[in-house]
């Protein structure tokens, strides 16, 4: 019952703020509510506070005690929603599929797939030594098992 109330309230506040979207909603048996959000241009503390207040002030603590945590997805969290990819164009991603793993710069996002580009050293077609080649791979969203942004310091 609490999860249904929270979902309804969350849907309403996200409808009022269309650039923010839900990554995960967890309501535990101990009434621990955890909401993870992201945004088309990222998410900031004010966005989290706005969602937190909209939910907290609409629930009655006299009726049901609860703990509420509203956070952003985090820099090292896997990308789980297709809406998370466009804001990461130009960044390096590590993408795992069923049979392969790719690490490259995200250069394009469509409705169905992402495109990664990277440079690799391969043996020369003729003779000894290696040559640097440009690689490009389109990966359908349906094939992605895990994708993470690689942080470069």
C-alpha atoms as a PDB file:
ATOM      1  CA  UNK A   1       0.000   0.000   0.000  1.00  0.00           C
ATOM      2  CA  UNK A   2       2.845   2.414   0.848  1.00  0.00           C
ATOM      3  CA  UNK A   3       4.603   1.626  -2.442  1.00  0.00           C
ATOM      4  CA  UNK A   4       1.423   2.476  -4.381  1.00  0.00           C
ATOM      5  CA  UNK A   5       1.124   5.847  -2.608  1.00  0.00           C
ATOM      6  CA  UNK A   6       4.797   6.638  -3.194  1.00  0.00           C
ATOM      7  CA  UNK A   7       4.536   5.621  -6.860  1.00  0.00           C
ATOM      8  CA  UNK A   8       1.514   7.881  -7.377  1.00  0.00           C
ATOM      9  CA  UNK A   9       3.227  10.822  -5.676  1.00  0.00           C
ATOM     10  CA  UNK A  10       6.460  10.194  -7.568  1.00  0.00           C
ATOM     11  CA  UNK A  11       4.645  10.034 -10.916  1.00  0.00           C
ATOM     12  CA  UNK A  12       3.024  13.389 -10.157  1.00  0.00           C
ATOM     13  CA  UNK A  13       6.268  15.180  -9.232  1.00  0.00           C
ATOM     14  CA  UNK A  14       8.124  13.674 -12.225  1.00  0.00           C
ATOM     15  CA  UNK A  15       5.308  14.794 -14.522  1.00  0.00           C
ATOM     16  CA  UNK A  16       5.804  18.349 -13.232  1.00  0.00           C
ATOM     17  CA  UNK A  17       9.584  18.050 -13.840  1.00  0.00           C
ATOM     18  CA  UNK A  18       9.913  16.278 -17.221  1.00  0.00           C
ATOM     19  CA  UNK A  19      13.721  16.458 -17.372  1.00  0.00           C
ATOM     20  CA  UNK A  20      13.984  14.229 -14.265  1.00  0.00           C
ATOM     21  CA  UNK A  21      13.353  10.496 -14.495  1.00  0.00           C
ATOM     22  CA  UNK A  22      13.279   7.474 -12.204  1.00  0.00           C
ATOM     23  CA  UNK A  23      16.102   4.945 -12.145  1.00  0.00           C
ATOM     24  CA  UNK A  24      14.926   2.848  -9.194  1.00  0.00           C
ATOM     25  CA  UNK A  25      12.265   2.821  -6.490  1.00  0.00           C
ATOM     26  CA  UNK A  26      12.585   0.521  -3.502  1.00  0.00           C
ATOM     27  CA  UNK A  27      10.138   0.239  -0.617  1.00  0.00           C
ATOM     28  CA  UNK A  28      11.289  -2.240   2.010  1.00  0.00           C
ATOM     29  CA  UNK A  29       9.232  -4.179   4.508  1.00  0.00           C
ATOM     30  CA  UNK A  30      10.497  -1.802   7.218  1.00  0.00           C
ATOM     31  CA  UNK A  31       9.030   1.175   5.235  1.00  0.00           C
ATOM     32  CA  UNK A  32      12.463   2.226   4.043  1.00  0.00           C
ATOM     33  CA  UNK A  33      11.836   4.200   0.828  1.00  0.00           C
ATOM     34  CA  UNK A  34      14.790   4.650  -1.528  1.00  0.00           C
ATOM     35  CA  UNK A  35      14.387   6.617  -4.765  1.00  0.00           C
ATOM     36  CA  UNK A  36      17.214   6.927  -7.298  1.00  0.00           C
ATOM     37  CA  UNK A  37      16.815   9.657  -9.921  1.00  0.00           C
ATOM     38  CA  UNK A  38      18.650  10.990 -12.945  1.00  0.00           C
ATOM     39  CA  UNK A  39      18.029  13.837 -15.356  1.00  0.00           C
ATOM     40  CA  UNK A  40      18.460  14.610 -19.027  1.00  0.00           C
ATOM     41  CA  UNK A  41      21.089  17.225 -18.082  1.00  0.00           C
ATOM     42  CA  UNK A  42      22.088  15.529 -14.845  1.00  0.00           C
ATOM     43  CA  UNK A  43      20.528  15.939 -11.432  1.00  0.00           C
ATOM     44  CA  UNK A  44      21.371  18.270  -8.586  1.00  0.00           C
ATOM     45  CA  UNK A  45      20.613  18.562  -4.894  1.00  0.00           C
ATOM     46  CA  UNK A  46      17.633  20.863  -5.487  1.00  0.00           C
ATOM     47  CA  UNK A  47      16.014  18.265  -7.767  1.00  0.00           C
ATOM     48  CA  UNK A  48      16.401  15.581  -5.093  1.00  0.00           C
ATOM     49  CA  UNK A  49      15.044  17.937  -2.412  1.00  0.00           C
ATOM     50  CA  UNK A  50      12.043  18.822  -4.580  1.00  0.00           C
ATOM     51  CA  UNK A  51      11.117  15.156  -5.017  1.00  0.00           C
ATOM     52  CA  UNK A  52      11.807  14.355  -1.376  1.00  0.00           C
ATOM     53  CA  UNK A  53       9.593  17.184  -0.117  1.00  0.00           C
ATOM     54  CA  UNK A  54       6.771  16.341  -2.524  1.00  0.00           C
ATOM     55  CA  UNK A  55       6.663  12.795  -1.191  1.00  0.00           C
ATOM     56  CA  UNK A  56       7.438  13.421   2.481  1.00  0.00           C
ATOM     57  CA  UNK A  57       4.863  16.200   2.915  1.00  0.00           C
ATOM     58  CA  UNK A  58       2.165  14.118   1.217  1.00  0.00           C
ATOM     59  CA  UNK A  59       2.575  11.067   3.449  1.00  0.00           C
ATOM     60  CA  UNK A  60       1.159  10.981   6.963  1.00  0.00           C
ATOM     61  CA  UNK A  61       3.679   9.852   9.593  1.00  0.00           C
ATOM     62  CA  UNK A  62       0.805   9.335  12.036  1.00  0.00           C
ATOM     63  CA  UNK A  63      -0.630   6.751   9.661  1.00  0.00           C
ATOM     64  CA  UNK A  64       2.654   5.043   8.816  1.00  0.00           C
ATOM     65  CA  UNK A  65       6.241   5.637   9.936  1.00  0.00           C
ATOM     66  CA  UNK A  66       8.807   5.636   7.118  1.00  0.00           C
ATOM     67  CA  UNK A  67      12.365   6.584   6.195  1.00  0.00           C
ATOM     68  CA  UNK A  68      12.884   8.379   2.883  1.00  0.00           C
ATOM     69  CA  UNK A  69      16.099   8.609   0.855  1.00  0.00           C
ATOM     70  CA  UNK A  70      16.207  10.406  -2.512  1.00  0.00           C
ATOM     71  CA  UNK A  71      19.542  10.276  -4.364  1.00  0.00           C
ATOM     72  CA  UNK A  72      21.101  10.677  -7.782  1.00  0.00           C
ATOM     73  CA  UNK A  73      22.313   7.691  -9.779  1.00  0.00           C
ATOM     74  CA  UNK A  74      25.971   8.400  -9.008  1.00  0.00           C
ATOM     75  CA  UNK A  75      28.978   8.719 -11.278  1.00  0.00           C
ATOM     76  CA  UNK A  76      30.002   5.052 -11.146  1.00  0.00           C
ATOM     77  CA  UNK A  77      26.524   3.515 -11.268  1.00  0.00           C
ATOM     78  CA  UNK A  78      25.669   1.493 -14.386  1.00  0.00           C
ATOM     79  CA  UNK A  79      23.505   3.160 -17.027  1.00  0.00           C
ATOM     80  CA  UNK A  80      20.144   1.371 -16.868  1.00  0.00           C
ATOM     81  CA  UNK A  81      17.827   3.710 -18.759  1.00  0.00           C
ATOM     82  CA  UNK A  82      18.123   4.710 -22.427  1.00  0.00           C
ATOM     83  CA  UNK A  83      17.570   8.351 -21.382  1.00  0.00           C
ATOM     84  CA  UNK A  84      20.917   8.281 -19.546  1.00  0.00           C
ATOM     85  CA  UNK A  85      23.013   7.826 -22.695  1.00  0.00           C
ATOM     86  CA  UNK A  86      22.590  11.150 -24.615  1.00  0.00           C
ATOM     87  CA  UNK A  87      24.074  13.258 -21.822  1.00  0.00           C
ATOM     88  CA  UNK A  88      27.151  11.006 -21.910  1.00  0.00           C
ATOM     89  CA  UNK A  89      27.992  11.534 -25.599  1.00  0.00           C
ATOM     90  CA  UNK A  90      31.713  12.268 -25.823  1.00  0.00           C
ATOM     91  CA  UNK A  91      32.522  10.291 -22.675  1.00  0.00           C
ATOM     92  CA  UNK A  92      34.279   6.938 -22.470  1.00  0.00           C
ATOM     93  CA  UNK A  93      31.998   3.967 -21.728  1.00  0.00           C
ATOM     94  CA  UNK A  94      32.661   0.368 -20.828  1.00  0.00           C
ATOM     95  CA  UNK A  95      29.896  -1.783 -22.323  1.00  0.00           C
ATOM     96  CA  UNK A  96      29.373  -5.509 -21.748  1.00  0.00           C
ATOM     97  CA  UNK A  97      27.206  -7.692 -23.960  1.00  0.00           C
ATOM     98  CA  UNK A  98      26.624 -11.455 -23.799  1.00  0.00           C
ATOM     99  CA  UNK A  99      29.760 -12.290 -25.778  1.00  0.00           C
ATOM    100  CA  UNK A 100      31.918  -9.178 -25.847  1.00  0.00           C
ATOM    101  CA  UNK A 101      33.144  -6.173 -23.940  1.00  0.00           C
ATOM    102  CA  UNK A 102      33.783  -2.785 -25.542  1.00  0.00           C
ATOM    103  CA  UNK A 103      35.481   0.323 -24.238  1.00  0.00           C
ATOM    104  CA  UNK A 104      35.209   3.432 -26.315  1.00  0.00           C
ATOM    105  CA  UNK A 105      33.887   6.939 -26.672  1.00  0.00           C
ATOM    106  CA  UNK A 106      30.114   7.230 -26.989  1.00  0.00           C
ATOM    107  CA  UNK A 107      29.577   9.097 -30.250  1.00  0.00           C
ATOM    108  CA  UNK A 108      25.928   8.512 -31.125  1.00  0.00           C
ATOM    109  CA  UNK A 109      22.648   7.462 -29.500  1.00  0.00           C
ATOM    110  CA  UNK A 110      19.537   6.437 -31.430  1.00  0.00           C
ATOM    111  CA  UNK A 111      16.205   5.016 -30.287  1.00  0.00           C
ATOM    112  CA  UNK A 112      17.559   1.481 -30.625  1.00  0.00           C
ATOM    113  CA  UNK A 113      21.342   1.555 -30.196  1.00  0.00           C
ATOM    114  CA  UNK A 114      24.511   3.361 -29.178  1.00  0.00           C
ATOM    115  CA  UNK A 115      27.708   3.817 -31.195  1.00  0.00           C
ATOM    116  CA  UNK A 116      31.155   3.522 -29.631  1.00  0.00           C
ATOM    117  CA  UNK A 117      34.433   4.543 -31.267  1.00  0.00           C
ATOM    118  CA  UNK A 118      38.000   3.790 -30.205  1.00  0.00           C
ATOM    119  CA  UNK A 119      41.519   3.324 -31.532  1.00  0.00           C
ATOM    120  CA  UNK A 120      43.226  -0.075 -31.500  1.00  0.00           C
ATOM    121  CA  UNK A 121      46.672  -1.404 -32.407  1.00  0.00           C
ATOM    122  CA  UNK A 122      46.493  -4.275 -34.882  1.00  0.00           C
ATOM    123  CA  UNK A 123      49.124  -6.203 -36.844  1.00  0.00           C
ATOM    124  CA  UNK A 124      49.929  -4.740 -40.260  1.00  0.00           C
ATOM    125  CA  UNK A 125      48.255  -6.567 -43.143  1.00  0.00           C
ATOM    126  CA  UNK A 126      51.682  -7.023 -44.756  1.00  0.00           C
ATOM    127  CA  UNK A 127      54.988  -7.123 -42.932  1.00  0.00           C
ATOM    128  CA  UNK A 128      55.925  -6.839 -39.307  1.00  0.00           C
ATOM    129  CA  UNK A 129      54.726  -4.338 -36.751  1.00  0.00           C
ATOM    130  CA  UNK A 130      51.409  -2.834 -35.816  1.00  0.00           C
ATOM    131  CA  UNK A 131      49.255  -0.032 -37.084  1.00  0.00           C
ATOM    132  CA  UNK A 132      46.674   2.094 -35.250  1.00  0.00           C
ATOM    133  CA  UNK A 133      43.169   1.691 -36.650  1.00  0.00           C
ATOM    134  CA  UNK A 134      39.884   3.436 -35.891  1.00  0.00           C
ATOM    135  CA  UNK A 135      37.172   1.067 -34.644  1.00  0.00           C
ATOM    136  CA  UNK A 136      33.459   1.722 -34.552  1.00  0.00           C
ATOM    137  CA  UNK A 137      30.774  -0.508 -33.055  1.00  0.00           C
ATOM    138  CA  UNK A 138      27.010  -0.092 -32.901  1.00  0.00           C
ATOM    139  CA  UNK A 139      25.518  -1.856 -29.876  1.00  0.00           C
ATOM    140  CA  UNK A 140      21.730  -2.325 -29.663  1.00  0.00           C
ATOM    141  CA  UNK A 141      20.185  -1.475 -26.276  1.00  0.00           C
ATOM    142  CA  UNK A 142      18.714  -5.003 -26.191  1.00  0.00           C
ATOM    143  CA  UNK A 143      22.269  -6.483 -26.230  1.00  0.00           C
ATOM    144  CA  UNK A 144      23.685  -4.318 -23.438  1.00  0.00           C
ATOM    145  CA  UNK A 145      24.067  -6.238 -20.190  1.00  0.00           C
ATOM    146  CA  UNK A 146      25.973  -3.457 -18.406  1.00  0.00           C
ATOM    147  CA  UNK A 147      27.266  -0.038 -19.367  1.00  0.00           C
ATOM    148  CA  UNK A 148      29.327   2.243 -17.150  1.00  0.00           C
ATOM    149  CA  UNK A 149      30.944   5.620 -17.667  1.00  0.00           C
ATOM    150  CA  UNK A 150      34.710   5.375 -17.246  1.00  0.00           C
ATOM    151  CA  UNK A 151      35.911   8.211 -15.063  1.00  0.00           C
ATOM    152  CA  UNK A 152      39.196   9.739 -16.189  1.00  0.00           C
ATOM    153  CA  UNK A 153      41.240  11.719 -13.698  1.00  0.00           C
END
